Protein backbone atom coordinates (compact mmCIF):
# COMPACT_ATOMS: atom_id res chain seq x y z
CA UNK A 1 -22.11 78.09 130.48
CA UNK A 2 -19.65 76.92 127.83
CA UNK A 3 -20.41 75.03 124.69
CA UNK A 4 -18.31 72.13 123.56
CA UNK A 5 -16.67 72.36 120.12
CA UNK A 6 -18.42 69.71 118.00
CA UNK A 7 -15.18 69.00 116.14
CA UNK A 8 -13.17 68.41 119.32
CA UNK A 9 -11.70 64.92 119.43
CA UNK A 10 -12.93 62.34 121.87
CA UNK A 11 -10.71 60.35 124.15
CA UNK A 12 -9.84 57.17 122.28
CA UNK A 13 -8.00 53.90 122.74
CA UNK A 14 -7.00 51.58 119.91
CA UNK A 15 -5.57 48.38 121.35
CA UNK A 16 -2.85 46.20 119.90
CA UNK A 17 -4.20 44.37 116.87
CA UNK A 18 -7.05 46.87 116.41
CA UNK A 19 -7.62 49.46 113.71
CA UNK A 20 -8.68 49.32 110.08
CA UNK A 21 -6.08 47.36 108.09
CA UNK A 22 -5.15 47.74 104.43
CA UNK A 23 -2.61 46.40 101.97
CA UNK A 24 -0.98 49.39 100.27
CA UNK A 25 1.67 48.66 97.64
CA UNK A 26 1.66 45.14 99.17
CA UNK A 27 2.72 46.56 102.58
CA UNK A 28 0.51 46.28 105.68
CA UNK A 29 -1.02 49.47 107.15
CA UNK A 30 -3.08 49.65 110.34
CA UNK A 31 -4.92 52.93 110.90
CA UNK A 32 -4.56 53.81 114.59
CA UNK A 33 -5.76 57.46 114.45
CA UNK A 34 -7.18 59.41 111.56
CA UNK A 35 -7.78 63.08 110.92
CA UNK A 36 -11.42 62.84 112.02
CA UNK A 37 -10.34 61.16 115.29
CA UNK A 38 -7.86 63.88 116.26
CA UNK A 39 -9.69 67.06 115.30
CA UNK A 40 -7.39 67.23 112.26
CA UNK A 41 -4.21 67.33 114.35
CA UNK A 42 -2.55 64.16 113.00
CA UNK A 43 -2.88 60.71 111.50
CA UNK A 44 -1.05 57.71 112.98
CA UNK A 45 -0.37 54.44 111.18
CA UNK A 46 1.32 51.23 112.20
CA UNK A 47 3.13 50.07 109.06
CA UNK A 48 4.92 46.88 108.06
CA UNK A 49 7.14 47.40 105.01
CA UNK A 50 8.44 44.23 103.40
CA UNK A 51 11.92 43.68 101.93
CA UNK A 52 12.17 45.45 98.59
CA UNK A 53 9.62 48.08 99.67
CA UNK A 54 10.10 51.79 99.88
CA UNK A 55 8.79 55.09 98.59
CA UNK A 56 9.89 56.89 95.44
CA UNK A 57 11.21 60.43 95.81
CA UNK A 58 8.32 62.66 96.86
CA UNK A 59 7.50 65.83 98.75
CA UNK A 60 4.71 66.54 101.21
CA UNK A 61 3.75 70.18 100.78
CA UNK A 62 1.10 70.50 103.47
CA UNK A 63 2.13 68.08 106.19
CA UNK A 64 5.13 66.81 108.12
CA UNK A 65 5.93 63.10 108.23
CA UNK A 66 7.64 61.22 111.06
CA UNK A 67 8.60 57.58 111.66
CA UNK A 68 9.46 55.61 114.77
CA UNK A 69 11.08 52.29 113.83
CA UNK A 70 10.22 49.27 115.96
CA UNK A 71 11.85 46.52 113.87
CA UNK A 72 14.05 46.38 110.78
CA UNK A 73 16.06 49.10 109.04
CA UNK A 74 15.41 51.80 106.47
CA UNK A 75 17.74 53.73 104.21
CA UNK A 76 16.58 57.35 104.06
CA UNK A 77 17.63 59.91 101.46
CA UNK A 78 17.01 63.65 101.49
CA UNK A 79 18.93 66.77 100.51
CA UNK A 80 21.99 64.79 99.46
CA UNK A 81 22.08 62.89 102.75
CA UNK A 82 21.87 59.14 103.15
CA UNK A 83 21.08 57.77 106.61
CA UNK A 84 20.26 54.39 108.05
CA UNK A 85 17.51 54.16 110.66
CA UNK A 86 17.12 51.02 112.77
CA UNK A 87 14.99 49.90 115.71
CA UNK A 88 14.42 52.72 118.18
CA UNK A 89 15.18 55.42 115.60
CA UNK A 90 12.95 58.45 115.18
CA UNK A 91 12.90 60.26 111.82
CA UNK A 92 11.28 63.65 111.19
CA UNK A 93 10.70 64.70 107.57
CA UNK A 94 9.46 68.30 107.42
CA UNK A 95 7.03 69.39 104.74
CA UNK A 96 8.53 70.81 101.59
CA UNK A 97 11.60 68.54 101.65
CA UNK A 98 11.92 65.85 98.97
CA UNK A 99 12.77 62.46 100.43
CA UNK A 100 12.73 58.74 99.75
CA UNK A 101 13.26 55.58 101.79
CA UNK A 102 13.69 51.84 101.27
CA UNK A 103 13.86 48.70 103.40
CA UNK A 104 17.39 47.43 103.99
CA UNK A 105 17.98 43.68 104.07
CA UNK A 106 15.65 40.72 104.35
CA UNK A 107 13.78 41.76 107.50
CA UNK A 108 10.47 43.64 107.33
CA UNK A 109 10.33 47.08 108.90
CA UNK A 110 7.66 47.68 111.52
CA UNK A 111 7.16 51.35 112.33
CA UNK A 112 4.75 54.02 113.43
CA UNK A 113 4.16 56.78 110.87
CA UNK A 114 2.72 60.19 111.86
CA UNK A 115 1.35 62.84 109.53
CA UNK A 116 0.69 66.34 110.87
CA UNK A 117 -1.77 67.75 110.27
CA UNK A 118 -3.88 64.70 109.58
CA UNK A 119 -5.15 63.76 106.16
CA UNK A 120 -2.36 61.85 104.44
CA UNK A 121 -3.61 58.66 106.04
CA UNK A 122 -6.75 59.06 103.90
CA UNK A 123 -4.59 58.67 100.80
CA UNK A 124 -3.27 55.32 102.03
CA UNK A 125 -6.75 54.18 103.05
CA UNK A 126 -8.29 54.98 99.69
CA UNK A 127 -5.39 53.47 97.75
CA UNK A 128 -5.24 50.27 99.81
CA UNK A 129 -7.27 47.09 99.71
CA UNK A 130 -8.71 45.40 102.77
CA UNK A 131 -6.43 43.32 104.96
CA UNK A 132 -9.25 42.57 107.40
CA UNK A 133 -9.71 39.09 108.83
CA UNK A 134 -6.14 38.07 108.04
CA UNK A 135 -6.40 38.55 104.26
CA UNK A 136 -3.08 37.29 102.85
CA UNK A 137 -0.57 39.62 101.25
CA UNK A 138 -1.77 40.39 97.71
CA UNK A 139 0.08 38.99 94.69
CA UNK A 140 2.88 40.99 93.05
CA UNK A 141 0.44 42.28 90.41
CA UNK A 142 -1.28 44.39 93.09
CA UNK A 143 1.79 46.63 93.28
CA UNK A 144 1.31 47.67 89.64
CA UNK A 145 -2.40 48.26 90.18
CA UNK A 146 -1.64 50.52 93.17
CA UNK A 147 1.11 52.33 91.24
CA UNK A 148 -1.31 53.11 88.40
CA UNK A 149 -3.89 54.49 90.85
CA UNK A 150 -1.52 56.36 93.18
CA UNK A 151 -1.18 59.63 91.25
CA UNK A 152 -4.93 60.01 90.83
CA UNK A 153 -5.56 59.33 94.53
CA UNK A 154 -2.72 61.70 95.55
CA UNK A 155 -4.30 64.52 93.55
CA UNK A 156 -7.64 63.86 95.21
CA UNK A 157 -6.08 64.16 98.66
CA UNK A 158 -3.57 66.88 97.62
CA UNK A 159 -0.94 65.39 99.91
CA UNK A 160 1.87 63.74 97.98
CA UNK A 161 3.70 65.01 94.90
């Protein structure tokens, strides 16, 4: 007789339009799979980044990051390289490599973001404010509030530096 690992993930299905939703730095994040759902293997987010959005230079020391772009375009920078990623592009950003990205143009970017192993999604969840029930995009002041809180939350999750 075998015993089942209590931490083993269960089969799951998160349909279109489902998943916990948050506004993070005034961008829209939908949590499709979190660390606790995948036995720690990964976190998966559906993200909408609005024009003018992006991430400052940062390094993930304990996890890899990957994007699959569905709509819009990003400018990515790492190790002296500058690349443009558009719809259908896949981007892999290995741990330990400083990188940054920003939305190009006036069209929002819709993408899937993976973090392996899982855990980084917890940073975004804790930092964000609810977008449930169609809550409108927060006012510009929310960006500054998130920016002031981000370093403290990042230290708590030990994921982004």
